[in-house]
């Protein structure tokens, strides 16, 4: 009973930042799948699951960076997509830093400062399309069996969080009174956003690498492949496309742009 109460408290923190209504918070906090995913997750720590939505309110968000799921290593994940608390830089974050350094002639890659909290505090919503990761136990399984089970469990976690994340995306797409940039990294991120855009003709731009504006909004979408080494090494265009995207983001936001080199 105590754990259910704590989960409800976590959801109500999102009400304070404008991401949920009281009714939605209660609905999600009583969802069996969400409760099980939060209780069973091995990264991030439970109190960090909603960090992205706690660090920036819907009123103050300027940029959304949408990834996939948390780092498997609990030393890395702390509820901000791609951010890490570990001293060793995760490979996906290395590629993000390479893209930024290429544009700004900075040295984030060399500095090895991996905590992106300052981005979040500047108005960047670092959101994953799945909010929890559950590492399977090794007992009695060979590597192939363990990998298959791991993939199955994580697919289920992604499925459980999809309605919640879709709700957040829908609220972002309803923003009318200011400019917003959404950087969508990987097909999961592309699909979940375009799946919530009603304009059928606009859907032809899904996976397009040029900047596009969502009809009847001031929301710019910038789509690229995922920064993971698996994607980059298989021909993904992240390192080629994303430096240009950061530049377009800066121009679009003007005086409200983010200082990406400030960590």
Protein backbone atom coordinates (compact mmCIF):
# COMPACT_ATOMS: atom_id res chain seq x y z
CA UNK A 1 0.00 0.00 0.00
CA UNK A 2 2.85 2.34 0.85
CA UNK A 3 4.45 1.81 -2.60
CA UNK A 4 1.18 2.66 -4.39
CA UNK A 5 0.94 5.87 -2.37
CA UNK A 6 4.50 6.82 -3.31
CA UNK A 7 3.73 6.27 -7.00
CA UNK A 8 0.66 8.48 -6.75
CA UNK A 9 2.81 11.17 -5.13
CA UNK A 10 5.29 10.97 -8.02
CA UNK A 11 2.52 11.41 -10.58
CA UNK A 12 1.09 14.37 -8.69
CA UNK A 13 4.45 16.14 -9.02
CA UNK A 14 3.75 16.16 -12.77
CA UNK A 15 0.42 17.88 -12.12
CA UNK A 16 2.33 20.76 -10.51
CA UNK A 17 4.37 21.19 -13.73
CA UNK A 18 1.30 21.14 -15.96
CA UNK A 19 1.95 17.78 -17.61
CA UNK A 20 -1.03 15.97 -16.08
CA UNK A 21 -4.43 16.70 -14.58
CA UNK A 22 -5.28 15.32 -11.14
CA UNK A 23 -7.57 12.80 -12.80
CA UNK A 24 -4.80 11.63 -15.16
CA UNK A 25 -2.33 11.30 -12.29
CA UNK A 26 -4.73 9.07 -10.37
CA UNK A 27 -5.47 7.04 -13.48
CA UNK A 28 -1.81 6.34 -14.26
CA UNK A 29 -0.93 5.69 -10.62
CA UNK A 30 -3.54 2.92 -10.47
CA UNK A 31 -2.50 1.33 -13.79
CA UNK A 32 -1.32 -2.21 -13.06
CA UNK A 33 1.27 -2.25 -15.86
CA UNK A 34 2.79 1.06 -14.80
CA UNK A 35 2.92 0.00 -11.16
CA UNK A 36 4.69 -3.24 -12.11
CA UNK A 37 7.13 -1.47 -14.43
CA UNK A 38 8.04 1.09 -11.77
CA UNK A 39 8.43 -1.52 -9.05
CA UNK A 40 10.43 -3.87 -11.28
CA UNK A 41 12.73 -1.38 -13.00
CA UNK A 42 16.47 -1.60 -12.41
CA UNK A 43 17.21 1.78 -13.99
CA UNK A 44 16.69 4.58 -13.34
CA UNK A 45 16.03 4.63 -9.58
CA UNK A 46 12.33 4.96 -8.87
CA UNK A 47 12.48 8.55 -7.65
CA UNK A 48 14.20 9.53 -10.93
CA UNK A 49 11.76 7.92 -13.38
CA UNK A 50 9.94 11.23 -14.04
CA UNK A 51 13.00 13.47 -13.77
CA UNK A 52 12.57 14.88 -17.29
CA UNK A 53 9.05 16.07 -16.54
CA UNK A 54 9.97 17.34 -13.06
CA UNK A 55 12.91 19.44 -14.25
CA UNK A 56 10.93 21.50 -16.78
CA UNK A 57 7.29 22.56 -16.81
CA UNK A 58 5.14 22.53 -19.92
CA UNK A 59 4.99 26.32 -19.58
CA UNK A 60 8.80 26.67 -19.77
CA UNK A 61 9.72 23.97 -22.30
CA UNK A 62 11.60 25.23 -25.37
CA UNK A 63 13.09 22.07 -26.87
CA UNK A 64 12.10 18.42 -26.69
CA UNK A 65 14.74 15.75 -27.30
CA UNK A 66 12.97 12.43 -27.69
CA UNK A 67 14.91 9.19 -27.37
CA UNK A 68 13.99 5.55 -26.77
CA UNK A 69 14.53 4.02 -23.33
CA UNK A 70 16.81 4.47 -20.27
CA UNK A 71 20.42 3.32 -20.15
CA UNK A 72 20.60 -0.26 -18.84
CA UNK A 73 23.37 0.75 -16.43
CA UNK A 74 21.80 2.22 -13.25
CA UNK A 75 25.00 4.24 -12.75
CA UNK A 76 24.09 6.12 -15.94
CA UNK A 77 20.31 6.53 -16.01
CA UNK A 78 18.69 9.23 -13.91
CA UNK A 79 15.49 10.01 -15.80
CA UNK A 80 16.87 12.47 -18.35
CA UNK A 81 17.22 10.95 -21.83
CA UNK A 82 20.89 10.45 -22.82
CA UNK A 83 22.16 12.12 -19.61
CA UNK A 84 24.47 10.10 -17.35
CA UNK A 85 25.72 10.36 -13.78
CA UNK A 86 28.64 8.01 -14.45
CA UNK A 87 32.17 9.24 -15.16
CA UNK A 88 32.41 7.04 -18.27
CA UNK A 89 30.51 8.65 -21.16
CA UNK A 90 27.87 6.33 -22.69
CA UNK A 91 28.37 5.73 -26.41
CA UNK A 92 25.12 7.45 -27.43
CA UNK A 93 26.10 10.55 -25.51
CA UNK A 94 29.54 10.49 -27.11
CA UNK A 95 27.90 10.83 -30.50
CA UNK A 96 25.67 13.68 -29.27
CA UNK A 97 28.75 15.49 -27.99
CA UNK A 98 30.54 14.89 -31.31
CA UNK A 99 27.64 16.52 -33.16
CA UNK A 100 27.66 19.54 -30.83
CA UNK A 101 31.45 19.91 -30.92
CA UNK A 102 31.36 19.80 -34.72
CA UNK A 103 29.02 22.79 -34.86
CA UNK A 104 30.25 24.93 -31.98
CA UNK A 105 33.95 23.95 -31.95
CA UNK A 106 33.46 23.03 -28.28
CA UNK A 107 35.08 20.20 -26.34
CA UNK A 108 32.20 18.39 -24.63
CA UNK A 109 33.51 15.06 -25.90
CA UNK A 110 36.85 15.62 -24.16
CA UNK A 111 35.45 17.12 -20.95
CA UNK A 112 33.57 13.91 -20.07
CA UNK A 113 30.93 15.80 -18.12
CA UNK A 114 27.88 13.70 -18.78
CA UNK A 115 25.11 15.19 -16.62
CA UNK A 116 22.67 17.14 -18.84
CA UNK A 117 20.70 18.63 -15.96
CA UNK A 118 21.62 22.19 -17.03
CA UNK A 119 19.95 21.56 -20.38
CA UNK A 120 16.77 20.49 -18.57
CA UNK A 121 16.90 23.54 -16.32
CA UNK A 122 17.22 25.70 -19.46
CA UNK A 123 13.97 24.36 -20.90
CA UNK A 124 14.98 21.11 -22.63
CA UNK A 125 12.64 18.16 -22.07
CA UNK A 126 14.92 15.11 -22.26
CA UNK A 127 12.21 12.48 -22.66
CA UNK A 128 12.38 8.80 -23.57
CA UNK A 129 9.51 6.94 -25.25
CA UNK A 130 9.90 4.30 -22.53
CA UNK A 131 10.64 5.41 -18.97
CA UNK A 132 11.88 2.24 -17.27
CA UNK A 133 14.38 -0.55 -17.91
CA UNK A 134 14.38 -3.93 -16.20
CA UNK A 135 17.50 -6.06 -16.39
CA UNK A 136 16.80 -9.80 -16.31
CA UNK A 137 18.57 -12.05 -13.84
CA UNK A 138 21.35 -14.29 -15.18
CA UNK A 139 20.31 -17.38 -13.24
CA UNK A 140 20.02 -20.54 -15.33
CA UNK A 141 20.08 -18.83 -18.72
CA UNK A 142 22.68 -18.88 -21.45
CA UNK A 143 23.46 -15.63 -23.28
CA UNK A 144 21.07 -16.24 -26.17
CA UNK A 145 18.16 -17.08 -23.86
CA UNK A 146 18.94 -14.11 -21.64
CA UNK A 147 19.13 -11.72 -24.59
CA UNK A 148 15.80 -12.94 -25.96
CA UNK A 149 14.14 -12.59 -22.56
CA UNK A 150 15.71 -9.15 -22.08
CA UNK A 151 14.35 -7.96 -25.42
CA UNK A 152 10.90 -9.31 -24.59
CA UNK A 153 10.78 -7.63 -21.18
CA UNK A 154 11.99 -4.29 -22.50
CA UNK A 155 9.48 -4.40 -25.35
CA UNK A 156 6.78 -4.81 -22.73
CA UNK A 157 8.09 -1.83 -20.75
CA UNK A 158 7.99 0.30 -23.92
CA UNK A 159 4.41 -0.85 -24.59
CA UNK A 160 3.29 -0.03 -21.05
CA UNK A 161 4.59 3.55 -21.19
CA UNK A 162 3.34 4.31 -24.71
CA UNK A 163 -0.12 5.69 -23.72
CA UNK A 164 1.48 7.92 -21.07
CA UNK A 165 4.13 9.29 -23.44
CA UNK A 166 1.52 9.77 -26.18
CA UNK A 167 -0.47 11.90 -23.76
CA UNK A 168 2.59 14.08 -23.08
CA UNK A 169 3.24 14.39 -26.83
CA UNK A 170 -0.37 15.40 -27.46
CA UNK A 171 -0.10 18.16 -24.86
CA UNK A 172 3.11 19.42 -26.48
CA UNK A 173 1.50 19.44 -29.93
CA UNK A 174 -1.33 21.61 -28.58
CA UNK A 175 1.08 24.41 -27.64
CA UNK A 176 0.10 27.44 -29.71
CA UNK A 177 1.51 30.48 -27.95
CA UNK A 178 5.26 30.03 -28.45
CA UNK A 179 7.95 28.43 -30.58
CA UNK A 180 8.94 24.87 -29.73
CA UNK A 181 11.51 22.56 -31.30
CA UNK A 182 11.20 18.77 -31.15
CA UNK A 183 14.33 16.78 -31.96
CA UNK A 184 13.25 13.22 -32.69
CA UNK A 185 16.06 10.68 -32.59
CA UNK A 186 15.24 7.21 -33.91
CA UNK A 187 12.18 5.75 -35.62
CA UNK A 188 10.35 5.16 -32.33
CA UNK A 189 10.51 8.90 -31.65
CA UNK A 190 9.47 9.79 -35.21
CA UNK A 191 6.52 7.42 -35.17
CA UNK A 192 5.07 8.36 -31.79
CA UNK A 193 5.00 12.08 -32.69
CA UNK A 194 3.65 11.69 -36.22
CA UNK A 195 1.12 9.19 -34.92
CA UNK A 196 -0.39 12.03 -32.89
CA UNK A 197 -0.60 14.57 -35.71
CA UNK A 198 -4.05 14.62 -37.29
CA UNK A 199 -3.11 16.25 -40.62
CA UNK A 200 -2.93 13.25 -42.97
CA UNK A 201 -0.99 15.07 -45.69
CA UNK A 202 1.66 16.13 -43.17
CA UNK A 203 2.39 12.49 -42.29
CA UNK A 204 4.36 12.19 -45.54
CA UNK A 205 7.18 14.04 -43.75
CA UNK A 206 7.67 11.26 -41.19
CA UNK A 207 11.38 10.27 -41.23
CA UNK A 208 12.20 13.31 -43.40
CA UNK A 209 15.52 14.90 -42.50
CA UNK A 210 14.58 18.47 -43.41
CA UNK A 211 13.02 20.75 -40.82
CA UNK A 212 9.21 20.84 -40.91
CA UNK A 213 6.61 22.91 -39.06
CA UNK A 214 3.56 21.13 -37.67
CA UNK A 215 0.44 22.62 -39.32
CA UNK A 216 -1.32 25.39 -37.34
CA UNK A 217 1.50 25.56 -34.76
CA UNK A 218 4.94 27.10 -34.23
CA UNK A 219 6.46 23.68 -33.58
CA UNK A 220 9.51 22.65 -35.59
CA UNK A 221 10.28 18.94 -36.00
CA UNK A 222 13.85 17.78 -36.63
CA UNK A 223 14.22 14.05 -37.29
CA UNK A 224 17.40 11.99 -37.30
CA UNK A 225 18.55 8.46 -36.64
CA UNK A 226 19.29 7.40 -33.05
CA UNK A 227 22.74 8.34 -31.72
CA UNK A 228 23.49 4.82 -30.48
CA UNK A 229 26.62 3.20 -31.92
CA UNK A 230 24.44 0.38 -33.24
CA UNK A 231 22.58 2.90 -35.41
CA UNK A 232 25.60 5.05 -36.33
CA UNK A 233 27.74 2.05 -37.28
CA UNK A 234 24.97 0.65 -39.47
CA UNK A 235 24.76 3.73 -41.65
CA UNK A 236 22.68 6.00 -39.46
CA UNK A 237 23.04 9.66 -40.39
CA UNK A 238 23.06 11.14 -36.89
CA UNK A 239 26.57 12.64 -37.04
CA UNK A 240 25.91 14.20 -40.45
CA UNK A 241 22.41 15.54 -39.86
CA UNK A 242 22.26 16.59 -36.22
CA UNK A 243 24.88 19.40 -36.26
CA UNK A 244 22.70 21.11 -38.88
CA UNK A 245 19.64 20.47 -36.72
CA UNK A 246 21.19 22.17 -33.70
CA UNK A 247 21.97 25.15 -35.92
CA UNK A 248 18.38 25.25 -37.22
CA UNK A 249 17.08 24.98 -33.67
CA UNK A 250 19.17 27.98 -32.60
CA UNK A 251 17.95 30.11 -35.51
CA UNK A 252 14.32 29.16 -34.92
CA UNK A 253 14.39 29.99 -31.20
CA UNK A 254 16.41 33.19 -31.65
CA UNK A 255 17.05 34.93 -28.33
CA UNK A 256 15.43 31.98 -26.51
CA UNK A 257 17.97 29.47 -27.87
CA UNK A 258 19.69 26.93 -25.64
CA UNK A 259 23.41 27.09 -24.84
CA UNK A 260 24.20 23.48 -25.71
CA UNK A 261 27.83 23.81 -24.64
CA UNK A 262 26.91 24.75 -21.07
CA UNK A 263 27.02 21.70 -18.85
